[in-house]
Amino acid sequence: MDRVKFTAMKDGDKEDYDFLTKHEVEYTKGTASRLLEAMVRLDEGLSGYQITRLGHSLQSATRAERDGADTDWIVAALLHDIGDIYAPYNHDEYAATILRPFVREQVTWVVEKHGDFQLVYYGEHVGADPHKREAYKDHPYFDDCAAFCERWDQSSFDPGYDTLPLSHFAGRVEEVFARTPYDPDVLKPGVRVSLQA
């Protein structure tokens, strides 16, 4: 069998869905490779900064690694803006959706909200609320998102910074996306891990 028999999902049988499940699980094993390829496309998007979006992402991940952050934080710093190409108006939510099954809840929340938190640096210049982050002031991950933005995101547009290449982070990306999706031992709801060693 190389294709299902049905043309409408409601007409599929167990053989069809067993085939699809096996096929789809095999396909998911290439997620890390597809994400790394997509990262390269960040070089093609959004110009005007002193470095490309790929350069920004690599610099963010480099800073995270040099701060002694764990793998979840480093991969999140690398991928936090991957949505810039495909979802420019909600890039943060897009990136969080990609990460959600494979990293701590804390990390996913920070990536999902980092766009709102970044407004503190430039919101007043573009007619946006620079205090939008205050809506989350009582959230347990508030300080983590503020630190993520301050240490790794807003400061990572420096063409003179000694940034590590994408190949340096490939193994970590592969490690994260090889995890069992939605494993409670990985997601660790409510657990906070410091951004710095």
N, C-alpha and C. Protein backbone atom coordinates (compact mmCIF):
# COMPACT_ATOMS: atom_id res chain seq x y z
N MET A 1 0.85 -1.19 0.00
CA MET A 1 0.00 0.00 0.00
C MET A 1 0.89 1.24 0.00
N ASP A 2 0.69 2.11 -0.97
CA ASP A 2 1.47 3.34 -0.98
C ASP A 2 0.58 4.58 -0.87
N ARG A 3 -0.74 4.37 -0.86
CA ARG A 3 -1.71 5.45 -0.67
C ARG A 3 -2.97 4.88 -0.03
N VAL A 4 -3.69 5.73 0.65
CA VAL A 4 -4.97 5.30 1.22
C VAL A 4 -5.97 5.06 0.10
N LYS A 5 -7.02 4.34 0.43
CA LYS A 5 -8.05 4.02 -0.57
C LYS A 5 -9.11 5.13 -0.67
N PHE A 6 -9.26 5.93 0.38
CA PHE A 6 -10.38 6.87 0.43
C PHE A 6 -10.07 8.21 -0.22
N THR A 7 -11.16 8.91 -0.57
CA THR A 7 -11.07 10.29 -1.05
C THR A 7 -11.77 11.24 -0.09
N ALA A 8 -12.47 10.70 0.88
CA ALA A 8 -13.07 11.47 1.97
C ALA A 8 -12.70 10.76 3.27
N MET A 9 -12.25 11.48 4.27
CA MET A 9 -11.74 10.87 5.49
C MET A 9 -12.73 9.92 6.14
N LYS A 10 -14.01 10.24 6.07
CA LYS A 10 -15.02 9.40 6.73
C LYS A 10 -15.11 8.01 6.10
N ASP A 11 -14.56 7.84 4.91
CA ASP A 11 -14.61 6.54 4.24
C ASP A 11 -13.37 5.68 4.49
N GLY A 12 -12.43 6.19 5.27
CA GLY A 12 -11.22 5.43 5.56
C GLY A 12 -11.50 4.28 6.52
N ASP A 13 -10.68 3.23 6.41
CA ASP A 13 -10.81 2.09 7.32
C ASP A 13 -9.52 1.96 8.15
N LYS A 14 -9.47 0.96 9.00
CA LYS A 14 -8.32 0.78 9.90
C LYS A 14 -7.03 0.63 9.11
N GLU A 15 -7.06 -0.11 8.02
CA GLU A 15 -5.86 -0.28 7.20
C GLU A 15 -5.35 1.07 6.70
N ASP A 16 -6.25 1.92 6.24
CA ASP A 16 -5.87 3.25 5.77
C ASP A 16 -5.21 4.06 6.89
N TYR A 17 -5.85 4.07 8.05
CA TYR A 17 -5.33 4.91 9.13
C TYR A 17 -4.09 4.33 9.78
N ASP A 18 -3.93 3.03 9.80
CA ASP A 18 -2.67 2.43 10.25
C ASP A 18 -1.53 2.84 9.32
N PHE A 19 -1.82 2.79 8.01
CA PHE A 19 -0.82 3.21 7.02
C PHE A 19 -0.44 4.67 7.22
N LEU A 20 -1.45 5.54 7.35
CA LEU A 20 -1.18 6.97 7.52
C LEU A 20 -0.40 7.26 8.79
N THR A 21 -0.76 6.60 9.87
CA THR A 21 -0.06 6.82 11.15
C THR A 21 1.41 6.47 11.02
N LYS A 22 1.69 5.33 10.44
CA LYS A 22 3.08 4.92 10.25
C LYS A 22 3.82 5.93 9.35
N HIS A 23 3.17 6.32 8.27
CA HIS A 23 3.75 7.26 7.32
C HIS A 23 4.02 8.62 7.98
N GLU A 24 3.05 9.11 8.75
CA GLU A 24 3.19 10.43 9.38
C GLU A 24 4.22 10.42 10.50
N VAL A 25 4.28 9.35 11.28
CA VAL A 25 5.29 9.25 12.34
C VAL A 25 6.69 9.27 11.72
N GLU A 26 6.85 8.56 10.63
CA GLU A 26 8.15 8.56 9.95
C GLU A 26 8.50 9.96 9.46
N TYR A 27 7.52 10.66 8.92
CA TYR A 27 7.75 12.02 8.42
C TYR A 27 8.17 12.97 9.54
N THR A 28 7.60 12.83 10.71
CA THR A 28 7.93 13.73 11.83
C THR A 28 9.40 13.63 12.22
N LYS A 29 10.03 12.53 11.91
CA LYS A 29 11.45 12.37 12.26
C LYS A 29 12.35 13.36 11.52
N GLY A 30 11.83 14.00 10.48
CA GLY A 30 12.59 14.98 9.73
C GLY A 30 12.32 16.42 10.15
N THR A 31 11.58 16.61 11.23
CA THR A 31 11.20 17.97 11.65
C THR A 31 12.42 18.84 11.91
N ALA A 32 13.39 18.33 12.63
CA ALA A 32 14.58 19.14 12.95
C ALA A 32 15.28 19.59 11.67
N SER A 33 15.43 18.70 10.71
CA SER A 33 16.09 19.07 9.45
C SER A 33 15.32 20.14 8.71
N ARG A 34 13.99 20.00 8.68
CA ARG A 34 13.17 21.01 7.99
C ARG A 34 13.27 22.37 8.69
N LEU A 35 13.31 22.37 10.02
CA LEU A 35 13.45 23.63 10.75
C LEU A 35 14.81 24.28 10.49
N LEU A 36 15.85 23.49 10.46
CA LEU A 36 17.18 24.05 10.17
C LEU A 36 17.23 24.63 8.76
N GLU A 37 16.57 23.98 7.81
CA GLU A 37 16.49 24.53 6.45
C GLU A 37 15.71 25.84 6.45
N ALA A 38 14.62 25.89 7.22
CA ALA A 38 13.82 27.11 7.29
C ALA A 38 14.61 28.25 7.92
N MET A 39 15.48 27.93 8.87
CA MET A 39 16.29 28.98 9.50
C MET A 39 17.14 29.70 8.45
N VAL A 40 17.66 28.98 7.50
CA VAL A 40 18.49 29.58 6.46
C VAL A 40 17.69 30.61 5.68
N ARG A 41 16.38 30.36 5.52
CA ARG A 41 15.53 31.30 4.78
C ARG A 41 15.38 32.63 5.52
N LEU A 42 15.68 32.66 6.81
CA LEU A 42 15.60 33.93 7.55
C LEU A 42 16.60 34.95 7.00
N ASP A 43 17.61 34.47 6.30
CA ASP A 43 18.55 35.39 5.66
C ASP A 43 17.90 36.19 4.53
N GLU A 44 16.80 35.68 4.00
CA GLU A 44 16.12 36.31 2.86
C GLU A 44 15.07 37.32 3.29
N GLY A 45 14.69 37.30 4.54
CA GLY A 45 13.56 38.11 4.98
C GLY A 45 13.97 39.36 5.73
N LEU A 46 13.03 40.23 5.92
CA LEU A 46 13.09 41.41 6.76
C LEU A 46 14.46 42.08 6.83
N SER A 47 14.70 42.96 5.91
CA SER A 47 15.97 43.68 5.89
C SER A 47 15.83 44.99 6.65
N GLY A 48 16.93 45.70 6.78
CA GLY A 48 16.93 46.99 7.45
C GLY A 48 17.74 47.00 8.73
N TYR A 49 17.86 45.85 9.37
CA TYR A 49 18.71 45.74 10.56
C TYR A 49 20.17 45.64 10.12
N GLN A 50 21.08 45.76 11.06
CA GLN A 50 22.50 45.63 10.73
C GLN A 50 22.91 44.18 10.48
N ILE A 51 22.08 43.23 10.93
CA ILE A 51 22.32 41.82 10.63
C ILE A 51 21.00 41.21 10.15
N THR A 52 21.07 40.05 9.53
CA THR A 52 19.86 39.38 9.04
C THR A 52 19.10 38.76 10.20
N ARG A 53 17.90 38.29 9.91
CA ARG A 53 17.11 37.61 10.95
C ARG A 53 17.79 36.31 11.35
N LEU A 54 18.43 35.64 10.40
CA LEU A 54 19.20 34.45 10.78
C LEU A 54 20.33 34.85 11.72
N GLY A 55 21.05 35.90 11.37
CA GLY A 55 22.12 36.38 12.24
C GLY A 55 21.61 36.71 13.63
N HIS A 56 20.46 37.35 13.71
CA HIS A 56 19.84 37.69 15.00
C HIS A 56 19.52 36.42 15.78
N SER A 57 18.94 35.44 15.11
CA SER A 57 18.57 34.19 15.78
C SER A 57 19.80 33.45 16.29
N LEU A 58 20.83 33.40 15.46
CA LEU A 58 22.08 32.75 15.88
C LEU A 58 22.74 33.49 17.03
N GLN A 59 22.71 34.80 16.97
CA GLN A 59 23.30 35.60 18.04
C GLN A 59 22.53 35.40 19.35
N SER A 60 21.21 35.33 19.27
CA SER A 60 20.41 35.08 20.47
C SER A 60 20.77 33.73 21.09
N ALA A 61 20.87 32.71 20.25
CA ALA A 61 21.21 31.37 20.75
C ALA A 61 22.64 31.33 21.29
N THR A 62 23.54 32.05 20.65
CA THR A 62 24.93 32.11 21.12
C THR A 62 24.98 32.75 22.50
N ARG A 63 24.27 33.83 22.67
CA ARG A 63 24.23 34.50 23.98
C ARG A 63 23.64 33.57 25.05
N ALA A 64 22.58 32.85 24.68
CA ALA A 64 21.97 31.91 25.62
C ALA A 64 22.97 30.84 26.04
N GLU A 65 23.67 30.27 25.06
CA GLU A 65 24.66 29.24 25.37
C GLU A 65 25.77 29.80 26.27
N ARG A 66 26.24 30.97 25.96
CA ARG A 66 27.32 31.57 26.76
C ARG A 66 26.87 31.97 28.16
N ASP A 67 25.56 32.12 28.34
CA ASP A 67 25.02 32.37 29.68
C ASP A 67 24.86 31.07 30.47
N GLY A 68 25.15 29.94 29.83
CA GLY A 68 25.01 28.65 30.51
C GLY A 68 23.60 28.11 30.51
N ALA A 69 22.75 28.61 29.60
CA ALA A 69 21.37 28.15 29.52
C ALA A 69 21.31 26.69 29.10
N ASP A 70 20.21 26.03 29.45
CA ASP A 70 20.05 24.63 29.06
C ASP A 70 19.57 24.53 27.61
N THR A 71 19.47 23.31 27.13
CA THR A 71 19.13 23.07 25.72
C THR A 71 17.79 23.66 25.33
N ASP A 72 16.78 23.55 26.21
CA ASP A 72 15.47 24.12 25.87
C ASP A 72 15.58 25.61 25.59
N TRP A 73 16.29 26.34 26.45
CA TRP A 73 16.44 27.78 26.27
C TRP A 73 17.23 28.10 25.00
N ILE A 74 18.28 27.36 24.75
CA ILE A 74 19.13 27.63 23.58
C ILE A 74 18.36 27.42 22.29
N VAL A 75 17.64 26.31 22.20
CA VAL A 75 16.85 26.04 20.99
C VAL A 75 15.73 27.07 20.85
N ALA A 76 15.13 27.46 21.95
CA ALA A 76 14.08 28.50 21.90
C ALA A 76 14.65 29.83 21.42
N ALA A 77 15.84 30.18 21.91
CA ALA A 77 16.47 31.43 21.47
C ALA A 77 16.78 31.37 19.97
N LEU A 78 17.18 30.21 19.50
CA LEU A 78 17.46 30.04 18.08
C LEU A 78 16.19 30.17 17.23
N LEU A 79 15.11 29.55 17.68
CA LEU A 79 13.90 29.46 16.86
C LEU A 79 12.84 30.52 17.17
N HIS A 80 13.10 31.42 18.11
CA HIS A 80 12.04 32.32 18.58
C HIS A 80 11.46 33.21 17.49
N ASP A 81 12.20 33.49 16.44
CA ASP A 81 11.70 34.36 15.36
C ASP A 81 11.49 33.61 14.05
N ILE A 82 11.43 32.29 14.09
CA ILE A 82 11.28 31.52 12.85
C ILE A 82 9.97 31.87 12.13
N GLY A 83 9.01 32.37 12.87
CA GLY A 83 7.74 32.74 12.26
C GLY A 83 7.77 34.02 11.46
N ASP A 84 8.88 34.75 11.51
CA ASP A 84 8.96 36.02 10.77
C ASP A 84 8.67 35.83 9.28
N ILE A 85 9.05 34.69 8.72
CA ILE A 85 8.83 34.43 7.30
C ILE A 85 7.36 34.10 7.03
N TYR A 86 6.80 33.23 7.85
CA TYR A 86 5.50 32.64 7.55
C TYR A 86 4.33 33.31 8.29
N ALA A 87 4.60 33.96 9.39
CA ALA A 87 3.53 34.55 10.21
C ALA A 87 4.01 35.87 10.79
N PRO A 88 4.24 36.87 9.96
CA PRO A 88 4.85 38.11 10.46
C PRO A 88 4.01 38.86 11.49
N TYR A 89 2.70 38.63 11.53
CA TYR A 89 1.87 39.35 12.49
C TYR A 89 1.67 38.59 13.80
N ASN A 90 2.10 37.35 13.84
CA ASN A 90 2.05 36.58 15.09
C ASN A 90 3.21 35.58 15.14
N HIS A 91 4.38 36.07 14.78
CA HIS A 91 5.56 35.20 14.70
C HIS A 91 5.87 34.52 16.02
N ASP A 92 5.58 35.19 17.12
CA ASP A 92 5.88 34.62 18.43
C ASP A 92 4.99 33.42 18.72
N GLU A 93 3.70 33.52 18.39
CA GLU A 93 2.78 32.40 18.59
C GLU A 93 3.15 31.24 17.68
N TYR A 94 3.54 31.55 16.47
CA TYR A 94 3.94 30.53 15.49
C TYR A 94 5.12 29.71 16.02
N ALA A 95 6.15 30.41 16.49
CA ALA A 95 7.33 29.73 17.02
C ALA A 95 6.97 28.91 18.25
N ALA A 96 6.12 29.45 19.12
CA ALA A 96 5.72 28.73 20.33
C ALA A 96 4.97 27.44 19.97
N THR A 97 4.15 27.51 18.94
CA THR A 97 3.40 26.33 18.52
C THR A 97 4.35 25.23 18.05
N ILE A 98 5.40 25.59 17.35
CA ILE A 98 6.39 24.61 16.90
C ILE A 98 7.09 23.97 18.09
N LEU A 99 7.45 24.77 19.08
CA LEU A 99 8.20 24.28 20.24
C LEU A 99 7.36 23.53 21.27
N ARG A 100 6.08 23.89 21.39
CA ARG A 100 5.22 23.44 22.50
C ARG A 100 5.29 21.95 22.82
N PRO A 101 5.27 21.03 21.86
CA PRO A 101 5.29 19.60 22.23
C PRO A 101 6.64 19.10 22.75
N PHE A 102 7.70 19.92 22.65
CA PHE A 102 9.05 19.40 22.85
C PHE A 102 9.89 20.09 23.92
N VAL A 103 9.42 21.18 24.49
CA VAL A 103 10.20 21.90 25.50
C VAL A 103 9.32 22.22 26.71
N ARG A 104 9.96 22.68 27.77
CA ARG A 104 9.23 23.05 28.99
C ARG A 104 8.14 24.07 28.70
N GLU A 105 7.06 23.97 29.45
CA GLU A 105 5.97 24.95 29.37
C GLU A 105 6.50 26.37 29.56
N GLN A 106 7.42 26.54 30.47
CA GLN A 106 8.03 27.85 30.76
C GLN A 106 8.61 28.46 29.48
N VAL A 107 9.35 27.68 28.75
CA VAL A 107 10.03 28.14 27.54
C VAL A 107 9.01 28.49 26.46
N THR A 108 8.02 27.64 26.28
CA THR A 108 6.98 27.91 25.29
C THR A 108 6.26 29.22 25.60
N TRP A 109 5.93 29.44 26.88
CA TRP A 109 5.22 30.66 27.26
C TRP A 109 6.07 31.89 26.95
N VAL A 110 7.33 31.82 27.26
CA VAL A 110 8.23 32.95 27.00
C VAL A 110 8.30 33.26 25.51
N VAL A 111 8.47 32.24 24.68
CA VAL A 111 8.53 32.45 23.24
C VAL A 111 7.20 33.03 22.74
N GLU A 112 6.10 32.51 23.24
CA GLU A 112 4.78 32.97 22.79
C GLU A 112 4.53 34.44 23.15
N LYS A 113 5.07 34.90 24.25
CA LYS A 113 4.80 36.26 24.72
C LYS A 113 5.93 37.25 24.42
N HIS A 114 7.03 36.81 23.87
CA HIS A 114 8.18 37.71 23.74
C HIS A 114 7.88 38.93 22.87
N GLY A 115 6.98 38.81 21.91
CA GLY A 115 6.63 39.97 21.08
C GLY A 115 6.02 41.10 21.90
N ASP A 116 5.14 40.75 22.82
CA ASP A 116 4.54 41.75 23.70
C ASP A 116 5.59 42.36 24.63
N PHE A 117 6.49 41.55 25.12
CA PHE A 117 7.52 42.03 26.04
C PHE A 117 8.54 42.93 25.35
N GLN A 118 8.83 42.65 24.08
CA GLN A 118 9.80 43.46 23.34
C GLN A 118 9.32 44.89 23.12
N LEU A 119 8.02 45.11 23.17
CA LEU A 119 7.48 46.46 22.93
C LEU A 119 8.02 47.48 23.92
N VAL A 120 8.50 47.05 25.05
CA VAL A 120 9.04 48.00 26.03
C VAL A 120 10.23 48.78 25.43
N TYR A 121 10.90 48.20 24.45
CA TYR A 121 12.08 48.82 23.86
C TYR A 121 11.73 49.79 22.72
N TYR A 122 10.61 49.55 22.05
CA TYR A 122 10.34 50.37 20.86
C TYR A 122 8.88 50.76 20.66
N GLY A 123 7.99 50.29 21.49
CA GLY A 123 6.57 50.54 21.29
C GLY A 123 6.20 52.00 21.12
N GLU A 124 6.82 52.86 21.92
CA GLU A 124 6.50 54.29 21.84
C GLU A 124 6.86 54.89 20.49
N HIS A 125 7.80 54.27 19.78
CA HIS A 125 8.25 54.80 18.49
C HIS A 125 7.38 54.37 17.32
N VAL A 126 6.52 53.36 17.55
CA VAL A 126 5.69 52.84 16.46
C VAL A 126 4.20 52.90 16.76
N GLY A 127 3.84 53.62 17.80
CA GLY A 127 2.44 53.77 18.14
C GLY A 127 1.83 52.57 18.85
N ALA A 128 2.68 51.76 19.46
CA ALA A 128 2.20 50.59 20.22
C ALA A 128 2.42 50.84 21.71
N ASP A 129 1.77 50.06 22.51
CA ASP A 129 1.86 50.20 23.97
C ASP A 129 3.16 49.59 24.49
N PRO A 130 4.10 50.42 24.95
CA PRO A 130 5.36 49.87 25.45
C PRO A 130 5.19 49.11 26.77
N HIS A 131 4.03 49.22 27.38
CA HIS A 131 3.79 48.54 28.66
C HIS A 131 2.85 47.35 28.50
N LYS A 132 2.73 46.84 27.30
CA LYS A 132 1.82 45.72 27.04
C LYS A 132 2.16 44.51 27.91
N ARG A 133 3.41 44.33 28.22
CA ARG A 133 3.84 43.20 29.04
C ARG A 133 3.20 43.22 30.43
N GLU A 134 2.79 44.38 30.90
CA GLU A 134 2.24 44.50 32.24
C GLU A 134 0.96 43.67 32.42
N ALA A 135 0.31 43.32 31.32
CA ALA A 135 -0.87 42.45 31.40
C ALA A 135 -0.52 41.09 32.00
N TYR A 136 0.75 40.73 31.97
CA TYR A 136 1.20 39.42 32.46
C TYR A 136 1.98 39.53 33.77
N LYS A 137 1.94 40.67 34.43
CA LYS A 137 2.82 40.93 35.58
C LYS A 137 2.69 39.91 36.70
N ASP A 138 1.54 39.25 36.83
CA ASP A 138 1.36 38.27 37.89
C ASP A 138 1.63 36.84 37.43
N HIS A 139 2.05 36.68 36.19
CA HIS A 139 2.31 35.33 35.68
C HIS A 139 3.65 34.82 36.22
N PRO A 140 3.72 33.54 36.57
CA PRO A 140 4.96 33.01 37.14
C PRO A 140 6.18 33.08 36.21
N TYR A 141 5.95 33.19 34.89
CA TYR A 141 7.07 33.25 33.96
C TYR A 141 7.37 34.67 33.48
N PHE A 142 6.76 35.65 34.09
CA PHE A 142 6.95 37.05 33.68
C PHE A 142 8.44 37.43 33.69
N ASP A 143 9.11 37.19 34.80
CA ASP A 143 10.52 37.57 34.92
C ASP A 143 11.40 36.83 33.92
N ASP A 144 11.02 35.59 33.61
CA ASP A 144 11.79 34.81 32.63
C ASP A 144 11.69 35.44 31.25
N CYS A 145 10.51 35.88 30.88
CA CYS A 145 10.33 36.50 29.56
C CYS A 145 11.05 37.84 29.51
N ALA A 146 10.97 38.60 30.59
CA ALA A 146 11.69 39.88 30.64
C ALA A 146 13.19 39.66 30.48
N ALA A 147 13.72 38.64 31.15
CA ALA A 147 15.15 38.34 31.05
C ALA A 147 15.53 37.83 29.66
N PHE A 148 14.70 36.97 29.09
CA PHE A 148 14.92 36.46 27.73
C PHE A 148 15.05 37.63 26.75
N CYS A 149 14.14 38.57 26.86
CA CYS A 149 14.15 39.72 25.95
C CYS A 149 15.35 40.63 26.20
N GLU A 150 15.65 40.87 27.44
CA GLU A 150 16.75 41.78 27.77
C GLU A 150 18.11 41.19 27.42
N ARG A 151 18.35 39.94 27.80
CA ARG A 151 19.68 39.35 27.65
C ARG A 151 19.94 38.83 26.23
N TRP A 152 18.92 38.22 25.61
CA TRP A 152 19.18 37.48 24.38
C TRP A 152 18.50 38.05 23.14
N ASP A 153 17.34 38.68 23.29
CA ASP A 153 16.60 39.09 22.10
C ASP A 153 16.95 40.52 21.70
N GLN A 154 16.62 41.50 22.49
CA GLN A 154 16.82 42.90 22.10
C GLN A 154 18.28 43.27 21.89
N SER A 155 19.18 42.52 22.50
CA SER A 155 20.61 42.84 22.41
C SER A 155 21.33 42.12 21.27
N SER A 156 20.61 41.37 20.47
CA SER A 156 21.26 40.50 19.48
C SER A 156 21.10 40.99 18.04
N PHE A 157 21.52 42.23 17.83
CA PHE A 157 21.51 42.82 16.49
C PHE A 157 22.88 43.43 16.18
N ASP A 158 23.92 42.85 16.75
CA ASP A 158 25.27 43.42 16.73
C ASP A 158 26.14 42.71 15.70
N PRO A 159 26.50 43.38 14.59
CA PRO A 159 27.32 42.73 13.57
C PRO A 159 28.74 42.42 14.06
N GLY A 160 29.17 43.03 15.15
CA GLY A 160 30.50 42.78 15.67
C GLY A 160 30.58 41.65 16.69
N TYR A 161 29.44 41.08 17.04
CA TYR A 161 29.42 40.02 18.05
C TYR A 161 29.92 38.71 17.45
N ASP A 162 30.69 37.94 18.22
CA ASP A 162 31.24 36.66 17.78
C ASP A 162 30.16 35.59 17.86
N THR A 163 29.37 35.49 16.81
CA THR A 163 28.20 34.61 16.76
C THR A 163 28.58 33.23 16.23
N LEU A 164 28.05 32.20 16.87
CA LEU A 164 28.30 30.83 16.44
C LEU A 164 27.43 30.49 15.22
N PRO A 165 27.89 29.58 14.35
CA PRO A 165 27.14 29.23 13.13
C PRO A 165 25.97 28.28 13.41
N LEU A 166 25.07 28.18 12.46
CA LEU A 166 23.91 27.31 12.59
C LEU A 166 24.34 25.86 12.83
N SER A 167 25.39 25.43 12.18
CA SER A 167 25.85 24.05 12.35
C SER A 167 26.19 23.74 13.81
N HIS A 168 26.60 24.74 14.54
CA HIS A 168 26.93 24.54 15.96
C HIS A 168 25.69 24.11 16.77
N PHE A 169 24.51 24.59 16.37
CA PHE A 169 23.29 24.33 17.12
C PHE A 169 22.47 23.17 16.57
N ALA A 170 22.86 22.62 15.44
CA ALA A 170 22.07 21.57 14.78
C ALA A 170 21.81 20.38 15.68
N GLY A 171 22.81 19.93 16.40
CA GLY A 171 22.65 18.77 17.28
C GLY A 171 21.62 19.01 18.37
N ARG A 172 21.60 20.21 18.91
CA ARG A 172 20.62 20.53 19.95
C ARG A 172 19.20 20.55 19.38
N VAL A 173 19.05 21.11 18.18
CA VAL A 173 17.74 21.12 17.54
C VAL A 173 17.28 19.68 17.29
N GLU A 174 18.16 18.85 16.80
CA GLU A 174 17.82 17.45 16.55
C GLU A 174 17.45 16.75 17.85
N GLU A 175 18.18 17.03 18.92
CA GLU A 175 17.88 16.43 20.23
C GLU A 175 16.47 16.80 20.70
N VAL A 176 16.14 18.07 20.62
CA VAL A 176 14.83 18.54 21.10
C VAL A 176 13.69 17.92 20.29
N PHE A 177 13.81 17.90 18.97
CA PHE A 177 12.72 17.42 18.14
C PHE A 177 12.69 15.90 18.00
N ALA A 178 13.64 15.22 18.62
CA ALA A 178 13.60 13.76 18.70
C ALA A 178 12.88 13.29 19.97
N ARG A 179 12.54 14.23 20.85
CA ARG A 179 11.84 13.87 22.09
C ARG A 179 10.43 13.38 21.78
N THR A 180 9.88 12.62 22.71
CA THR A 180 8.49 12.20 22.61
C THR A 180 7.61 13.43 22.79
N PRO A 181 6.74 13.72 21.82
CA PRO A 181 5.90 14.92 21.94
C PRO A 181 5.00 14.87 23.17
N TYR A 182 4.88 16.01 23.83
CA TYR A 182 4.00 16.20 24.98
C TYR A 182 4.34 15.29 26.16
N ASP A 183 5.59 14.91 26.29
CA ASP A 183 6.03 14.10 27.42
C ASP A 183 5.97 14.96 28.69
N PRO A 184 5.18 14.58 29.69
CA PRO A 184 5.08 15.39 30.91
C PRO A 184 6.43 15.61 31.60
N ASP A 185 7.35 14.66 31.42
CA ASP A 185 8.67 14.82 32.03
C ASP A 185 9.50 15.88 31.32
N VAL A 186 9.11 16.25 30.13
CA VAL A 186 9.76 17.33 29.38
C VAL A 186 9.02 18.64 29.59
N LEU A 187 7.69 18.61 29.49
CA LEU A 187 6.89 19.83 29.58
C LEU A 187 6.96 20.48 30.95
N LYS A 188 7.00 19.69 31.99
CA LYS A 188 7.17 20.16 33.37
C LYS A 188 6.36 21.42 33.70
N PRO A 189 5.04 21.33 33.62
CA PRO A 189 4.21 22.51 33.92
C PRO A 189 4.56 23.12 35.28
N GLY A 190 4.70 24.42 35.30
CA GLY A 190 4.97 25.14 36.53
C GLY A 190 6.42 25.19 36.96
N VAL A 191 7.27 24.42 36.31
CA VAL A 191 8.69 24.40 36.69
C VAL A 191 9.42 25.55 36.04
N ARG A 192 10.26 26.22 36.83
CA ARG A 192 11.08 27.32 36.30
C ARG A 192 12.54 26.90 36.35
N VAL A 193 13.21 27.09 35.23
CA VAL A 193 14.64 26.84 35.12
C VAL A 193 15.29 28.15 34.75
N SER A 194 16.34 28.52 35.45
CA SER A 194 17.01 29.78 35.22
C SER A 194 17.56 29.88 33.80
N LEU A 195 17.59 31.08 33.28
CA LEU A 195 18.15 31.32 31.96
C LEU A 195 19.68 31.29 31.99
N GLN A 196 20.26 31.47 33.16
CA GLN A 196 21.70 31.50 33.31
C GLN A 196 22.16 30.41 34.26
N ALA A 197 23.35 29.89 34.01
CA ALA A 197 23.91 28.86 34.90
C ALA A 197 24.34 29.49 36.21
